[in-house]
N, C-alpha and C. Protein backbone atom coordinates (compact mmCIF):
# COMPACT_ATOMS: atom_id res chain seq x y z
N UNK A 1 -4.34 -5.94 -2.75
CA UNK A 1 -3.36 -6.28 -1.97
C UNK A 1 -3.21 -7.64 -1.63
N UNK A 2 -1.94 -8.30 -1.39
CA UNK A 2 -2.27 -9.59 -0.98
C UNK A 2 -0.73 -9.70 0.00
N UNK A 3 -0.94 -9.88 1.26
CA UNK A 3 0.07 -10.18 2.25
C UNK A 3 0.57 -11.78 2.18
N UNK A 4 1.75 -11.79 1.96
CA UNK A 4 2.36 -13.02 2.01
C UNK A 4 3.19 -13.45 2.86
N UNK A 5 2.93 -14.40 3.93
CA UNK A 5 3.75 -14.96 5.02
C UNK A 5 5.27 -15.14 4.49
N UNK A 6 6.02 -15.09 5.23
CA UNK A 6 7.41 -15.70 5.14
C UNK A 6 7.83 -16.74 6.12
N UNK A 7 8.73 -17.30 5.35
CA UNK A 7 9.20 -18.44 5.97
C UNK A 7 10.21 -18.13 7.53
N UNK A 8 10.74 -16.81 7.30
CA UNK A 8 11.52 -16.48 8.53
C UNK A 8 10.36 -15.92 9.60
N UNK A 9 9.23 -15.59 9.06
CA UNK A 9 8.17 -15.06 10.28
C UNK A 9 7.66 -13.82 9.41
N UNK A 10 6.51 -12.85 9.74
CA UNK A 10 6.18 -11.79 9.51
C UNK A 10 5.72 -12.15 7.90
N UNK A 11 4.98 -10.74 7.37
CA UNK A 11 4.38 -10.99 6.31
C UNK A 11 5.11 -9.67 4.89
N UNK A 12 4.67 -9.71 4.07
CA UNK A 12 5.48 -8.89 3.07
C UNK A 12 4.24 -8.09 1.99
N UNK A 13 3.94 -7.50 1.55
CA UNK A 13 3.10 -6.74 0.53
C UNK A 13 3.96 -6.34 -0.41
N UNK A 14 4.23 -7.41 -1.52
CA UNK A 14 4.90 -7.28 -2.79
C UNK A 14 4.28 -6.13 -3.46
N UNK A 15 4.88 -5.27 -4.38
CA UNK A 15 4.59 -4.23 -4.98
C UNK A 15 3.76 -4.62 -6.33
N UNK A 16 2.47 -5.03 -6.06
CA UNK A 16 1.54 -5.29 -6.92
C UNK A 16 0.12 -4.46 -7.58
N UNK A 17 0.53 -3.55 -6.47
CA UNK A 17 -0.76 -2.32 -6.45
C UNK A 17 -0.01 -1.31 -7.23
N UNK A 18 1.18 -1.10 -6.85
CA UNK A 18 1.69 -0.13 -7.60
C UNK A 18 3.37 -0.64 -7.36
N UNK A 19 4.45 -0.28 -8.21
CA UNK A 19 5.69 -0.73 -8.33
C UNK A 19 6.49 -0.28 -7.34
N UNK A 20 6.16 0.98 -6.63
CA UNK A 20 6.59 1.57 -5.38
C UNK A 20 6.33 1.39 -4.30
N UNK A 21 5.38 0.30 -4.26
CA UNK A 21 4.63 0.09 -3.08
C UNK A 21 4.79 -1.50 -2.11
N UNK A 22 6.14 -1.35 -1.56
CA UNK A 22 6.32 -2.66 -0.61
C UNK A 22 6.31 -2.44 0.62
N UNK A 23 5.92 -3.26 1.17
CA UNK A 23 5.84 -3.19 2.98
C UNK A 23 5.89 -4.63 3.35
N UNK A 24 6.44 -4.32 4.72
CA UNK A 24 6.56 -5.50 5.71
C UNK A 24 5.76 -5.59 7.31
N UNK A 25 5.94 -6.59 7.89
CA UNK A 25 5.68 -6.37 9.06
C UNK A 25 5.92 -7.77 10.06
N UNK A 26 5.64 -7.65 11.36
CA UNK A 26 5.89 -8.84 12.15
C UNK A 26 4.67 -9.42 11.90
N UNK A 27 3.88 -8.96 12.22
CA UNK A 27 2.38 -9.44 12.31
C UNK A 27 1.53 -9.09 11.21
N UNK A 28 0.32 -9.55 11.01
CA UNK A 28 -0.91 -8.56 10.11
C UNK A 28 -0.96 -7.39 10.54
N UNK A 29 -1.58 -7.06 11.80
CA UNK A 29 -1.68 -5.67 11.97
C UNK A 29 -0.44 -4.95 11.87
N UNK A 30 0.56 -5.06 12.15
CA UNK A 30 1.87 -4.13 11.37
C UNK A 30 2.18 -4.02 10.24
N UNK A 31 1.81 -5.27 9.34
CA UNK A 31 2.36 -5.10 7.55
C UNK A 31 1.02 -4.49 7.20
N UNK A 32 -0.17 -4.59 7.93
CA UNK A 32 -1.22 -3.60 7.79
C UNK A 32 -1.14 -2.01 7.52
N UNK A 33 -0.65 -1.82 8.76
CA UNK A 33 -0.16 -0.08 8.92
C UNK A 33 0.90 0.10 8.27
N UNK A 34 1.98 -0.85 8.25
CA UNK A 34 3.22 -0.05 7.21
C UNK A 34 2.61 -0.09 5.76
N UNK A 35 2.12 -0.29 5.54
CA UNK A 35 1.31 -0.71 4.11
C UNK A 35 0.85 0.55 3.98
N UNK A 36 -0.09 1.04 4.99
CA UNK A 36 -1.03 2.03 4.72
C UNK A 36 -0.01 3.12 5.47
N UNK A 37 1.27 3.26 5.84
CA UNK A 37 2.40 4.12 5.59
C UNK A 37 3.02 4.29 4.24
N UNK A 38 3.26 3.28 3.95
CA UNK A 38 3.78 3.28 2.67
C UNK A 38 3.30 4.10 1.51
N UNK A 39 2.10 3.55 1.56
CA UNK A 39 1.03 3.80 0.22
C UNK A 39 0.89 5.54 0.89
N UNK A 40 0.73 6.02 1.55
CA UNK A 40 0.50 7.48 1.50
C UNK A 40 1.91 7.65 1.04
N UNK A 41 3.35 7.49 1.06
CA UNK A 41 3.88 7.84 0.64
C UNK A 41 4.27 7.78 -0.96
N UNK A 42 3.72 6.79 -1.17
CA UNK A 42 3.72 6.31 -2.73
C UNK A 42 3.02 7.43 -3.46
N UNK A 43 1.71 7.63 -3.04
CA UNK A 43 1.03 8.37 -3.37
C UNK A 43 1.01 9.99 -3.36
N UNK A 44 1.93 10.34 -2.32
CA UNK A 44 2.78 11.69 -2.36
C UNK A 44 3.64 11.79 -3.86
N UNK A 45 4.62 10.78 -3.90
CA UNK A 45 5.56 10.57 -4.89
C UNK A 45 5.29 11.06 -6.07
N UNK A 46 3.71 10.28 -6.62
CA UNK A 46 3.23 10.44 -7.79
C UNK A 46 2.45 11.89 -7.74
N UNK A 47 2.22 12.29 -6.96
CA UNK A 47 1.51 13.91 -6.87
C UNK A 47 2.61 14.56 -7.35
N UNK A 48 3.87 14.58 -6.75
CA UNK A 48 5.16 15.69 -6.33
C UNK A 48 5.46 15.23 -7.91
N UNK A 49 5.46 14.32 -8.61
CA UNK A 49 5.98 14.06 -9.89
C UNK A 49 5.17 14.24 -10.86
N UNK A 50 3.75 14.59 -10.40
CA UNK A 50 2.84 14.77 -11.58
C UNK A 50 2.29 13.38 -12.60
N UNK A 51 2.82 12.36 -11.65
CA UNK A 51 2.45 11.04 -12.49
C UNK A 51 0.89 10.55 -11.99
N UNK A 52 0.19 10.03 -12.90
CA UNK A 52 -1.19 9.91 -13.00
C UNK A 52 -1.46 8.69 -11.90
N UNK A 53 -2.32 9.02 -10.93
CA UNK A 53 -2.22 8.05 -9.81
C UNK A 53 -3.86 6.96 -10.84
N UNK A 54 -3.36 5.65 -10.74
CA UNK A 54 -4.15 4.57 -10.85
C UNK A 54 -5.34 4.67 -10.36
N UNK A 55 -6.29 4.50 -11.38
CA UNK A 55 -7.76 4.94 -11.50
C UNK A 55 -8.49 3.87 -10.36
N UNK A 56 -8.03 2.40 -9.75
CA UNK A 56 -8.45 2.23 -8.85
C UNK A 56 -8.01 3.04 -7.35
N UNK A 57 -7.39 3.68 -7.19
CA UNK A 57 -6.71 4.63 -6.50
C UNK A 57 -7.43 6.14 -6.67
N UNK A 58 -8.19 6.63 -5.37
CA UNK A 58 -8.50 7.73 -5.58
C UNK A 58 -8.72 8.69 -4.45
N UNK A 59 -8.92 9.86 -4.32
CA UNK A 59 -8.65 10.80 -3.04
C UNK A 59 -9.80 11.64 -2.69
N UNK A 60 -10.49 11.55 -1.68
CA UNK A 60 -11.36 11.89 -1.79
C UNK A 60 -11.52 13.04 -1.07
N UNK A 61 -10.63 13.96 -0.53
CA UNK A 61 -10.38 15.38 -0.63
C UNK A 61 -8.84 15.62 -1.13
N UNK A 62 -8.73 16.96 -0.96
CA UNK A 62 -6.85 17.04 -1.49
C UNK A 62 -6.08 16.99 -0.27
N UNK A 63 -6.96 17.39 1.05
CA UNK A 63 -6.34 17.34 2.32
C UNK A 63 -6.76 16.12 2.89
N UNK A 64 -7.44 15.06 2.76
CA UNK A 64 -7.78 14.25 3.74
C UNK A 64 -7.58 13.09 3.41
N UNK A 65 -8.05 11.87 3.74
CA UNK A 65 -7.41 10.86 3.69
C UNK A 65 -7.33 10.07 2.05
N UNK A 66 -6.61 8.98 1.68
CA UNK A 66 -6.82 8.24 0.46
C UNK A 66 -7.39 7.47 0.40
N UNK A 67 -8.33 6.76 -0.62
CA UNK A 67 -8.61 5.59 -0.44
C UNK A 67 -8.27 4.69 -1.57
N UNK A 68 -8.73 3.21 -1.19
CA UNK A 68 -8.10 2.27 -2.06
C UNK A 68 -9.16 1.29 -2.12
N UNK A 69 -9.76 0.91 -3.32
CA UNK A 69 -10.60 -0.31 -3.60
C UNK A 69 -9.71 -1.44 -3.99
N UNK A 70 -9.81 -2.36 -3.15
CA UNK A 70 -8.60 -3.67 -3.16
C UNK A 70 -9.42 -4.52 -2.44
N UNK A 71 -9.12 -6.04 -2.79
CA UNK A 71 -9.05 -6.88 -2.14
C UNK A 71 -7.88 -7.40 -1.37
N UNK A 72 -8.09 -8.01 0.01
CA UNK A 72 -6.80 -8.23 0.44
C UNK A 72 -6.96 -9.55 1.17
N UNK A 73 -6.18 -10.20 1.18
CA UNK A 73 -5.86 -11.67 1.15
C UNK A 73 -4.53 -12.14 1.97
N UNK A 74 -4.60 -13.03 2.50
CA UNK A 74 -3.58 -13.69 3.28
C UNK A 74 -2.90 -15.02 2.32
N UNK A 75 -1.40 -15.14 1.90
CA UNK A 75 -1.38 -16.35 1.53
C UNK A 75 -0.16 -17.47 2.25
């Protein structure tokens, strides 16, 4: 995931991890928190529609948290 700073302020997470996953926030902390929420929704949509979850994303426990292995950087 790459948080891109915006000229008008704030940060956006473009949909690189998944085309459905896009998020933003006024601060890095807010952008990451919003990305976490958006990610949970995307995984739920994948599961509901029977879409395979990308191999870089895995579920530790069917009722527990979802984990992602990724590099986070700011640009």
